[in-house]
């Protein structure tokens, strides 16, 4: 009986998390479902030397 309660609780937590993420996405806070992951090759890059240099 305890395992059934644990499985039901786990399912409820997963369902609540999914609903929360859908709500956050509809409000514009996250956008990982519709647009997918960003491709790192298309993102701008920064060289380590330019980050560490004192060009002030």
C-alpha atoms as a PDB file:
ATOM      1  CA  UNK A   1       0.000   0.000   0.000  1.00  0.00           C
ATOM      2  CA  UNK A   2       2.866   2.359   0.773  1.00  0.00           C
ATOM      3  CA  UNK A   3       4.340   1.867  -2.699  1.00  0.00           C
ATOM      4  CA  UNK A   4       1.007   2.781  -4.287  1.00  0.00           C
ATOM      5  CA  UNK A   5       0.860   5.991  -2.265  1.00  0.00           C
ATOM      6  CA  UNK A   6       4.464   6.809  -3.201  1.00  0.00           C
ATOM      7  CA  UNK A   7       3.775   6.242  -6.901  1.00  0.00           C
ATOM      8  CA  UNK A   8       0.602   8.328  -6.779  1.00  0.00           C
ATOM      9  CA  UNK A   9       2.436  11.135  -5.010  1.00  0.00           C
ATOM     10  CA  UNK A  10       5.241  11.002  -7.603  1.00  0.00           C
ATOM     11  CA  UNK A  11       2.730  11.171 -10.440  1.00  0.00           C
ATOM     12  CA  UNK A  12       0.985  14.126  -8.800  1.00  0.00           C
ATOM     13  CA  UNK A  13       4.288  15.994  -8.404  1.00  0.00           C
ATOM     14  CA  UNK A  14       5.215  15.381 -12.048  1.00  0.00           C
ATOM     15  CA  UNK A  15       1.798  16.511 -13.245  1.00  0.00           C
ATOM     16  CA  UNK A  16       1.966  19.654 -11.099  1.00  0.00           C
ATOM     17  CA  UNK A  17       5.463  20.467 -12.392  1.00  0.00           C
ATOM     18  CA  UNK A  18       4.311  20.027 -15.983  1.00  0.00           C
ATOM     19  CA  UNK A  19       1.301  22.292 -15.422  1.00  0.00           C
ATOM     20  CA  UNK A  20       3.533  24.889 -13.746  1.00  0.00           C
ATOM     21  CA  UNK A  21       5.958  24.889 -16.675  1.00  0.00           C
ATOM     22  CA  UNK A  22       3.088  25.235 -19.154  1.00  0.00           C
ATOM     23  CA  UNK A  23       1.708  28.164 -17.168  1.00  0.00           C
ATOM     24  CA  UNK A  24       5.121  29.837 -16.970  1.00  0.00           C
ATOM     25  CA  UNK A  25       5.589  29.343 -20.694  1.00  0.00           C
ATOM     26  CA  UNK A  26       2.223  30.911 -21.483  1.00  0.00           C
ATOM     27  CA  UNK A  27       3.199  33.928 -19.374  1.00  0.00           C
ATOM     28  CA  UNK A  28       6.482  34.284 -21.288  1.00  0.00           C
ATOM     29  CA  UNK A  29       8.848  33.284 -18.505  1.00  0.00           C
ATOM     30  CA  UNK A  30      10.223  30.162 -20.190  1.00  0.00           C
ATOM     31  CA  UNK A  31      10.239  29.135 -23.846  1.00  0.00           C
ATOM     32  CA  UNK A  32      11.931  25.764 -24.004  1.00  0.00           C
ATOM     33  CA  UNK A  33       9.028  23.704 -25.340  1.00  0.00           C
ATOM     34  CA  UNK A  34       8.046  25.635 -28.448  1.00  0.00           C
ATOM     35  CA  UNK A  35      11.426  26.885 -29.573  1.00  0.00           C
ATOM     36  CA  UNK A  36      13.581  24.038 -28.384  1.00  0.00           C
ATOM     37  CA  UNK A  37      17.132  24.416 -27.227  1.00  0.00           C
ATOM     38  CA  UNK A  38      19.339  27.128 -28.636  1.00  0.00           C
ATOM     39  CA  UNK A  39      22.156  25.931 -30.840  1.00  0.00           C
ATOM     40  CA  UNK A  40      25.425  26.941 -29.251  1.00  0.00           C
ATOM     41  CA  UNK A  41      27.133  27.191 -32.643  1.00  0.00           C
ATOM     42  CA  UNK A  42      24.766  30.040 -33.598  1.00  0.00           C
ATOM     43  CA  UNK A  43      25.333  31.980 -30.373  1.00  0.00           C
ATOM     44  CA  UNK A  44      27.951  34.736 -30.214  1.00  0.00           C
ATOM     45  CA  UNK A  45      31.238  33.649 -28.737  1.00  0.00           C
ATOM     46  CA  UNK A  46      33.680  35.464 -26.490  1.00  0.00           C
ATOM     47  CA  UNK A  47      37.355  34.717 -26.448  1.00  0.00           C
ATOM     48  CA  UNK A  48      38.880  34.081 -23.046  1.00  0.00           C
ATOM     49  CA  UNK A  49      41.720  36.520 -23.731  1.00  0.00           C
ATOM     50  CA  UNK A  50      39.293  39.372 -24.409  1.00  0.00           C
ATOM     51  CA  UNK A  51      37.370  38.621 -21.228  1.00  0.00           C
ATOM     52  CA  UNK A  52      40.466  38.669 -19.052  1.00  0.00           C
ATOM     53  CA  UNK A  53      42.288  41.644 -20.588  1.00  0.00           C
ATOM     54  CA  UNK A  54      42.206  45.147 -19.108  1.00  0.00           C
ATOM     55  CA  UNK A  55      41.067  47.263 -22.062  1.00  0.00           C
ATOM     56  CA  UNK A  56      39.701  50.104 -19.973  1.00  0.00           C
END
